[in-house]
PDB file of N, CA and C in Angstrom:
ATOM      1  N   UNK A   1     -12.298  11.467 -10.843  1.00  0.00           N
ATOM      2  CA  UNK A   1     -12.508  10.936  -9.497  1.00  0.00           C
ATOM      3  C   UNK A   1     -12.032  11.974  -8.492  1.00  0.00           C
ATOM      4  N   UNK A   2     -12.766  12.122  -7.413  1.00  0.00           N
ATOM      5  CA  UNK A   2     -12.344  13.045  -6.367  1.00  0.00           C
ATOM      6  C   UNK A   2     -11.087  12.520  -5.682  1.00  0.00           C
ATOM      7  N   UNK A   3     -10.508  13.327  -4.842  1.00  0.00           N
ATOM      8  CA  UNK A   3      -9.242  13.006  -4.185  1.00  0.00           C
ATOM      9  C   UNK A   3      -9.266  11.633  -3.492  1.00  0.00           C
ATOM     10  N   UNK A   4      -8.211  10.868  -3.700  1.00  0.00           N
ATOM     11  CA  UNK A   4      -8.055   9.548  -3.079  1.00  0.00           C
ATOM     12  C   UNK A   4      -7.272   9.736  -1.789  1.00  0.00           C
ATOM     13  N   UNK A   5      -7.977   9.826  -0.680  1.00  0.00           N
ATOM     14  CA  UNK A   5      -7.351  10.111   0.608  1.00  0.00           C
ATOM     15  C   UNK A   5      -6.742   8.856   1.228  1.00  0.00           C
ATOM     16  N   UNK A   6      -5.704   9.056   2.013  1.00  0.00           N
ATOM     17  CA  UNK A   6      -5.085   7.970   2.778  1.00  0.00           C
ATOM     18  C   UNK A   6      -5.748   7.977   4.152  1.00  0.00           C
ATOM     19  N   UNK A   7      -6.487   6.911   4.459  1.00  0.00           N
ATOM     20  CA  UNK A   7      -7.219   6.826   5.723  1.00  0.00           C
ATOM     21  C   UNK A   7      -6.708   5.668   6.579  1.00  0.00           C
ATOM     22  N   UNK A   8      -7.214   5.594   7.793  1.00  0.00           N
ATOM     23  CA  UNK A   8      -6.925   4.573   8.819  1.00  0.00           C
ATOM     24  C   UNK A   8      -5.439   4.431   9.083  1.00  0.00           C
ATOM     25  N   UNK A   9      -4.779   3.418   8.581  1.00  0.00           N
ATOM     26  CA  UNK A   9      -3.363   3.159   8.862  1.00  0.00           C
ATOM     27  C   UNK A   9      -2.552   3.262   7.570  1.00  0.00           C
ATOM     28  N   UNK A  10      -1.256   3.460   7.732  1.00  0.00           N
ATOM     29  CA  UNK A  10      -0.337   3.472   6.594  1.00  0.00           C
ATOM     30  C   UNK A  10       0.760   2.463   6.886  1.00  0.00           C
ATOM     31  N   UNK A  11       0.965   1.550   5.955  1.00  0.00           N
ATOM     32  CA  UNK A  11       2.084   0.606   6.045  1.00  0.00           C
ATOM     33  C   UNK A  11       2.965   0.884   4.831  1.00  0.00           C
ATOM     34  N   UNK A  12       4.116   1.489   5.091  1.00  0.00           N
ATOM     35  CA  UNK A  12       5.029   1.933   4.040  1.00  0.00           C
ATOM     36  C   UNK A  12       5.834   0.736   3.562  1.00  0.00           C
ATOM     37  N   UNK A  13       5.853   0.524   2.259  1.00  0.00           N
ATOM     38  CA  UNK A  13       6.499  -0.654   1.687  1.00  0.00           C
ATOM     39  C   UNK A  13       7.938  -0.374   1.267  1.00  0.00           C
ATOM     40  N   UNK A  14       8.805  -1.307   1.577  1.00  0.00           N
ATOM     41  CA  UNK A  14      10.209  -1.253   1.163  1.00  0.00           C
ATOM     42  C   UNK A  14      10.466  -2.522   0.356  1.00  0.00           C
ATOM     43  N   UNK A  15      10.773  -2.344  -0.925  1.00  0.00           N
ATOM     44  CA  UNK A  15      10.969  -3.483  -1.814  1.00  0.00           C
ATOM     45  C   UNK A  15      12.185  -4.324  -1.451  1.00  0.00           C
ATOM     46  N   UNK A  16      12.171  -5.571  -1.875  1.00  0.00           N
ATOM     47  CA  UNK A  16      13.263  -6.504  -1.613  1.00  0.00           C
ATOM     48  C   UNK A  16      13.993  -6.936  -2.884  1.00  0.00           C
ATOM     49  N   UNK A  17      13.386  -6.649  -4.050  1.00  0.00           N
ATOM     50  CA  UNK A  17      13.946  -7.136  -5.307  1.00  0.00           C
ATOM     51  C   UNK A  17      14.645  -6.003  -6.059  1.00  0.00           C
ATOM     52  N   UNK A  18      15.969  -6.046  -6.071  1.00  0.00           N
ATOM     53  CA  UNK A  18      16.769  -5.032  -6.756  1.00  0.00           C
ATOM     54  C   UNK A  18      16.351  -4.946  -8.224  1.00  0.00           C
ATOM     55  N   UNK A  19      16.094  -3.721  -8.684  1.00  0.00           N
ATOM     56  CA  UNK A  19      15.700  -3.498 -10.069  1.00  0.00           C
ATOM     57  C   UNK A  19      14.220  -3.704 -10.348  1.00  0.00           C
ATOM     58  N   UNK A  20      13.503  -4.292  -9.389  1.00  0.00           N
ATOM     59  CA  UNK A  20      12.065  -4.527  -9.554  1.00  0.00           C
ATOM     60  C   UNK A  20      11.281  -3.557  -8.665  1.00  0.00           C
ATOM     61  N   UNK A  21      11.576  -3.565  -7.375  1.00  0.00           N
ATOM     62  CA  UNK A  21      10.912  -2.662  -6.443  1.00  0.00           C
ATOM     63  C   UNK A  21      11.896  -2.066  -5.432  1.00  0.00           C
ATOM     64  N   UNK A  22      13.165  -2.195  -5.756  1.00  0.00           N
ATOM     65  CA  UNK A  22      14.217  -1.640  -4.913  1.00  0.00           C
ATOM     66  C   UNK A  22      15.319  -1.112  -5.822  1.00  0.00           C
ATOM     67  N   UNK A  23      15.756   0.092  -5.547  1.00  0.00           N
ATOM     68  CA  UNK A  23      16.823   0.681  -6.340  1.00  0.00           C
ATOM     69  C   UNK A  23      16.346   1.881  -7.144  1.00  0.00           C
ATOM     70  N   UNK A  24      17.271   2.529  -7.780  1.00  0.00           N
ATOM     71  CA  UNK A  24      17.009   3.777  -8.491  1.00  0.00           C
ATOM     72  C   UNK A  24      15.904   3.636  -9.552  1.00  0.00           C
ATOM     73  N   UNK A  25      14.938   4.542  -9.475  1.00  0.00           N
ATOM     74  CA  UNK A  25      13.862   4.589 -10.452  1.00  0.00           C
ATOM     75  C   UNK A  25      12.689   3.660 -10.201  1.00  0.00           C
ATOM     76  N   UNK A  26      12.855   2.673  -9.336  1.00  0.00           N
ATOM     77  CA  UNK A  26      11.773   1.711  -9.081  1.00  0.00           C
ATOM     78  C   UNK A  26      11.493   1.509  -7.593  1.00  0.00           C
ATOM     79  N   UNK A  27      12.226   2.178  -6.755  1.00  0.00           N
ATOM     80  CA  UNK A  27      12.190   1.918  -5.316  1.00  0.00           C
ATOM     81  C   UNK A  27      10.831   2.248  -4.682  1.00  0.00           C
ATOM     82  N   UNK A  28      10.172   1.247  -4.156  1.00  0.00           N
ATOM     83  CA  UNK A  28       8.850   1.411  -3.532  1.00  0.00           C
ATOM     84  C   UNK A  28       8.889   2.414  -2.389  1.00  0.00           C
ATOM     85  N   UNK A  29       9.895   2.335  -1.564  1.00  0.00           N
ATOM     86  CA  UNK A  29      10.000   3.215  -0.396  1.00  0.00           C
ATOM     87  C   UNK A  29      10.222   4.658  -0.838  1.00  0.00           C
ATOM     88  N   UNK A  30      11.138   4.863  -1.754  1.00  0.00           N
ATOM     89  CA  UNK A  30      11.455   6.210  -2.237  1.00  0.00           C
ATOM     90  C   UNK A  30      10.281   6.824  -3.000  1.00  0.00           C
ATOM     91  N   UNK A  31       9.409   5.982  -3.581  1.00  0.00           N
ATOM     92  CA  UNK A  31       8.243   6.458  -4.329  1.00  0.00           C
ATOM     93  C   UNK A  31       7.013   6.592  -3.444  1.00  0.00           C
ATOM     94  N   UNK A  32       7.166   6.365  -2.132  1.00  0.00           N
ATOM     95  CA  UNK A  32       6.074   6.499  -1.168  1.00  0.00           C
ATOM     96  C   UNK A  32       4.908   5.571  -1.516  1.00  0.00           C
ATOM     97  N   UNK A  33       5.214   4.288  -1.677  1.00  0.00           N
ATOM     98  CA  UNK A  33       4.198   3.283  -1.955  1.00  0.00           C
ATOM     99  C   UNK A  33       3.763   2.670  -0.624  1.00  0.00           C
ATOM    100  N   UNK A  34       2.470   2.730  -0.347  1.00  0.00           N
ATOM    101  CA  UNK A  34       1.910   2.287   0.926  1.00  0.00           C
ATOM    102  C   UNK A  34       0.804   1.263   0.719  1.00  0.00           C
ATOM    103  N   UNK A  35       0.486   0.560   1.799  1.00  0.00           N
ATOM    104  CA  UNK A  35      -0.799  -0.105   1.954  1.00  0.00           C
ATOM    105  C   UNK A  35      -1.592   0.831   2.861  1.00  0.00           C
ATOM    106  N   UNK A  36      -2.799   1.204   2.429  1.00  0.00           N
ATOM    107  CA  UNK A  36      -3.569   2.147   3.239  1.00  0.00           C
ATOM    108  C   UNK A  36      -5.062   2.023   2.972  1.00  0.00           C
ATOM    109  N   UNK A  37      -5.830   2.555   3.906  1.00  0.00           N
ATOM    110  CA  UNK A  37      -7.274   2.636   3.727  1.00  0.00           C
ATOM    111  C   UNK A  37      -7.604   3.783   2.785  1.00  0.00           C
ATOM    112  N   UNK A  38      -8.848   3.811   2.309  1.00  0.00           N
ATOM    113  CA  UNK A  38      -9.249   4.802   1.318  1.00  0.00           C
ATOM    114  C   UNK A  38     -10.652   5.325   1.589  1.00  0.00           C
ATOM    115  N   UNK A  39     -10.922   6.495   1.062  1.00  0.00           N
ATOM    116  CA  UNK A  39     -12.273   7.047   1.125  1.00  0.00           C
ATOM    117  C   UNK A  39     -13.126   6.558  -0.044  1.00  0.00           C
ATOM    118  N   UNK A  40     -12.587   5.659  -0.874  1.00  0.00           N
ATOM    119  CA  UNK A  40     -13.305   5.101  -2.021  1.00  0.00           C
ATOM    120  C   UNK A  40     -13.386   3.575  -1.899  1.00  0.00           C
ATOM    121  N   UNK A  41     -13.911   3.084  -0.803  1.00  0.00           N
ATOM    122  CA  UNK A  41     -13.967   1.640  -0.584  1.00  0.00           C
ATOM    123  C   UNK A  41     -14.756   0.917  -1.676  1.00  0.00           C
ATOM    124  N   UNK A  42     -15.731   1.565  -2.275  1.00  0.00           N
ATOM    125  CA  UNK A  42     -16.525   0.953  -3.334  1.00  0.00           C
ATOM    126  C   UNK A  42     -15.743   0.723  -4.621  1.00  0.00           C
ATOM    127  N   UNK A  43     -14.542   1.292  -4.709  1.00  0.00           N
ATOM    128  CA  UNK A  43     -13.715   1.132  -5.907  1.00  0.00           C
ATOM    129  C   UNK A  43     -12.550   0.164  -5.691  1.00  0.00           C
ATOM    130  N   UNK A  44     -12.557  -0.541  -4.570  1.00  0.00           N
ATOM    131  CA  UNK A  44     -11.516  -1.549  -4.329  1.00  0.00           C
ATOM    132  C   UNK A  44     -11.612  -2.592  -5.442  1.00  0.00           C
ATOM    133  N   UNK A  45     -10.472  -2.955  -5.996  1.00  0.00           N
ATOM    134  CA  UNK A  45     -10.440  -3.902  -7.107  1.00  0.00           C
ATOM    135  C   UNK A  45     -10.204  -3.206  -8.438  1.00  0.00           C
ATOM    136  N   UNK A  46     -10.411  -1.893  -8.475  1.00  0.00           N
ATOM    137  CA  UNK A  46     -10.086  -1.096  -9.649  1.00  0.00           C
ATOM    138  C   UNK A  46      -8.678  -0.545  -9.471  1.00  0.00           C
ATOM    139  N   UNK A  47      -8.160   0.094 -10.491  1.00  0.00           N
ATOM    140  CA  UNK A  47      -6.779   0.571 -10.436  1.00  0.00           C
ATOM    141  C   UNK A  47      -6.642   2.092 -10.506  1.00  0.00           C
ATOM    142  N   UNK A  48      -7.388   2.848  -9.676  1.00  0.00           N
ATOM    143  CA  UNK A  48      -7.227   4.303  -9.736  1.00  0.00           C
ATOM    144  C   UNK A  48      -6.046   4.818  -8.914  1.00  0.00           C
ATOM    145  N   UNK A  49      -5.356   3.950  -8.211  1.00  0.00           N
ATOM    146  CA  UNK A  49      -4.238   4.349  -7.367  1.00  0.00           C
ATOM    147  C   UNK A  49      -3.013   4.674  -8.222  1.00  0.00           C
ATOM    148  N   UNK A  50      -2.102   5.420  -7.655  1.00  0.00           N
ATOM    149  CA  UNK A  50      -0.833   5.748  -8.326  1.00  0.00           C
ATOM    150  C   UNK A  50       0.271   4.781  -7.894  1.00  0.00           C
ATOM    151  N   UNK A  51      -0.100   3.605  -7.460  1.00  0.00           N
ATOM    152  CA  UNK A  51       0.884   2.599  -7.069  1.00  0.00           C
ATOM    153  C   UNK A  51       0.636   1.986  -5.707  1.00  0.00           C
ATOM    154  N   UNK A  52      -0.103   2.686  -4.866  1.00  0.00           N
ATOM    155  CA  UNK A  52      -0.379   2.160  -3.537  1.00  0.00           C
ATOM    156  C   UNK A  52      -1.340   0.986  -3.597  1.00  0.00           C
ATOM    157  N   UNK A  53      -1.324   0.208  -2.522  1.00  0.00           N
ATOM    158  CA  UNK A  53      -2.293  -0.872  -2.345  1.00  0.00           C
ATOM    159  C   UNK A  53      -3.378  -0.313  -1.439  1.00  0.00           C
ATOM    160  N   UNK A  54      -4.553  -0.103  -1.983  1.00  0.00           N
ATOM    161  CA  UNK A  54      -5.671   0.436  -1.211  1.00  0.00           C
ATOM    162  C   UNK A  54      -6.545  -0.716  -0.738  1.00  0.00           C
ATOM    163  N   UNK A  55      -6.966  -0.620   0.506  1.00  0.00           N
ATOM    164  CA  UNK A  55      -7.813  -1.657   1.091  1.00  0.00           C
ATOM    165  C   UNK A  55      -8.964  -0.998   1.829  1.00  0.00           C
ATOM    166  N   UNK A  56      -9.990  -1.807   2.127  1.00  0.00           N
ATOM    167  CA  UNK A  56     -11.068  -1.307   2.971  1.00  0.00           C
ATOM    168  C   UNK A  56     -10.470  -0.957   4.326  1.00  0.00           C
ATOM    169  N   UNK A  57     -10.981   0.116   4.924  1.00  0.00           N
ATOM    170  CA  UNK A  57     -10.393   0.645   6.149  1.00  0.00           C
ATOM    171  C   UNK A  57     -10.350  -0.371   7.288  1.00  0.00           C
ATOM    172  N   UNK A  58     -11.421  -1.102   7.505  1.00  0.00           N
ATOM    173  CA  UNK A  58     -11.436  -2.101   8.578  1.00  0.00           C
ATOM    174  C   UNK A  58     -10.405  -3.196   8.311  1.00  0.00           C
ATOM    175  N   UNK A  59     -10.247  -3.595   7.051  1.00  0.00           N
ATOM    176  CA  UNK A  59      -9.250  -4.609   6.704  1.00  0.00           C
ATOM    177  C   UNK A  59      -7.831  -4.110   6.964  1.00  0.00           C
ATOM    178  N   UNK A  60      -7.572  -2.845   6.669  1.00  0.00           N
ATOM    179  CA  UNK A  60      -6.242  -2.279   6.925  1.00  0.00           C
ATOM    180  C   UNK A  60      -5.944  -2.291   8.419  1.00  0.00           C
ATOM    181  N   UNK A  61      -6.919  -1.927   9.228  1.00  0.00           N
ATOM    182  CA  UNK A  61      -6.722  -1.941  10.684  1.00  0.00           C
ATOM    183  C   UNK A  61      -6.400  -3.357  11.154  1.00  0.00           C
ATOM    184  N   UNK A  62      -7.112  -4.343  10.643  1.00  0.00           N
ATOM    185  CA  UNK A  62      -6.867  -5.737  11.044  1.00  0.00           C
ATOM    186  C   UNK A  62      -5.467  -6.202  10.653  1.00  0.00           C
ATOM    187  N   UNK A  63      -5.053  -5.894   9.425  1.00  0.00           N
ATOM    188  CA  UNK A  63      -3.703  -6.278   8.978  1.00  0.00           C
ATOM    189  C   UNK A  63      -2.652  -5.547   9.809  1.00  0.00           C
ATOM    190  N   UNK A  64      -2.846  -4.259  10.037  1.00  0.00           N
ATOM    191  CA  UNK A  64      -1.909  -3.456  10.815  1.00  0.00           C
ATOM    192  C   UNK A  64      -1.698  -4.051  12.211  1.00  0.00           C
ATOM    193  N   UNK A  65      -2.778  -4.485  12.830  1.00  0.00           N
ATOM    194  CA  UNK A  65      -2.697  -5.043  14.179  1.00  0.00           C
ATOM    195  C   UNK A  65      -1.938  -6.368  14.208  1.00  0.00           C
ATOM    196  N   UNK A  66      -1.887  -7.071  13.095  1.00  0.00           N
ATOM    197  CA  UNK A  66      -1.203  -8.365  13.022  1.00  0.00           C
ATOM    198  C   UNK A  66       0.272  -8.241  12.621  1.00  0.00           C
ATOM    199  N   UNK A  67       0.640  -7.116  12.034  1.00  0.00           N
ATOM    200  CA  UNK A  67       1.992  -6.954  11.492  1.00  0.00           C
ATOM    201  C   UNK A  67       2.957  -6.402  12.535  1.00  0.00           C
ATOM    202  N   UNK A  68       4.154  -6.902  12.496  1.00  0.00           N
ATOM    203  CA  UNK A  68       5.227  -6.323  13.303  1.00  0.00           C
ATOM    204  C   UNK A  68       6.005  -5.350  12.420  1.00  0.00           C
ATOM    205  N   UNK A  69       6.565  -4.316  13.008  1.00  0.00           N
ATOM    206  CA  UNK A  69       7.387  -3.386  12.244  1.00  0.00           C
ATOM    207  C   UNK A  69       8.498  -4.166  11.551  1.00  0.00           C
ATOM    208  N   UNK A  70       8.657  -3.946  10.264  1.00  0.00           N
ATOM    209  CA  UNK A  70       9.666  -4.661   9.492  1.00  0.00           C
ATOM    210  C   UNK A  70       9.183  -5.996   8.963  1.00  0.00           C
ATOM    211  N   UNK A  71       7.914  -6.348   9.254  1.00  0.00           N
ATOM    212  CA  UNK A  71       7.365  -7.617   8.766  1.00  0.00           C
ATOM    213  C   UNK A  71       7.287  -7.637   7.241  1.00  0.00           C
ATOM    214  N   UNK A  72       7.283  -8.819   6.688  1.00  0.00           N
ATOM    215  CA  UNK A  72       7.233  -8.976   5.223  1.00  0.00           C
ATOM    216  C   UNK A  72       5.814  -9.155   4.744  1.00  0.00           C
ATOM    217  N   UNK A  73       5.552  -8.571   3.588  1.00  0.00           N
ATOM    218  CA  UNK A  73       4.257  -8.658   2.935  1.00  0.00           C
ATOM    219  C   UNK A  73       4.490  -9.123   1.511  1.00  0.00           C
ATOM    220  N   UNK A  74       3.732 -10.101   1.060  1.00  0.00           N
ATOM    221  CA  UNK A  74       3.801 -10.550  -0.318  1.00  0.00           C
ATOM    222  C   UNK A  74       2.559 -10.038  -1.037  1.00  0.00           C
ATOM    223  N   UNK A  75       2.764  -9.273  -2.093  1.00  0.00           N
ATOM    224  CA  UNK A  75       1.653  -8.722  -2.860  1.00  0.00           C
ATOM    225  C   UNK A  75       1.621  -9.442  -4.196  1.00  0.00           C
ATOM    226  N   UNK A  76       0.542 -10.118  -4.456  1.00  0.00           N
ATOM    227  CA  UNK A  76       0.396 -10.871  -5.710  1.00  0.00           C
ATOM    228  C   UNK A  76      -0.874 -10.423  -6.412  1.00  0.00           C
ATOM    229  N   UNK A  77      -0.840 -10.423  -7.697  1.00  0.00           N
ATOM    230  CA  UNK A  77      -2.038 -10.090  -8.464  1.00  0.00           C
ATOM    231  C   UNK A  77      -2.174 -10.970  -9.646  1.00  0.00           C
TER     232      UNK A  77
END
């Protein structure tokens, strides 16, 4: 796959669960895990990312406009 670019907006994630997504070796923030738009919108739903949550660019803009800095996001799969 060609390069997976970070497009539109970036929402940097900071985990809340110690040992799961916060803390040494698993820390989302320290590992640069983001919600971001992508140049591969047709591959949304697949898992080619290295940990980030990729979304369609227009959807990322809409979420970004609704979020306050420090707001909480629940990611479920």
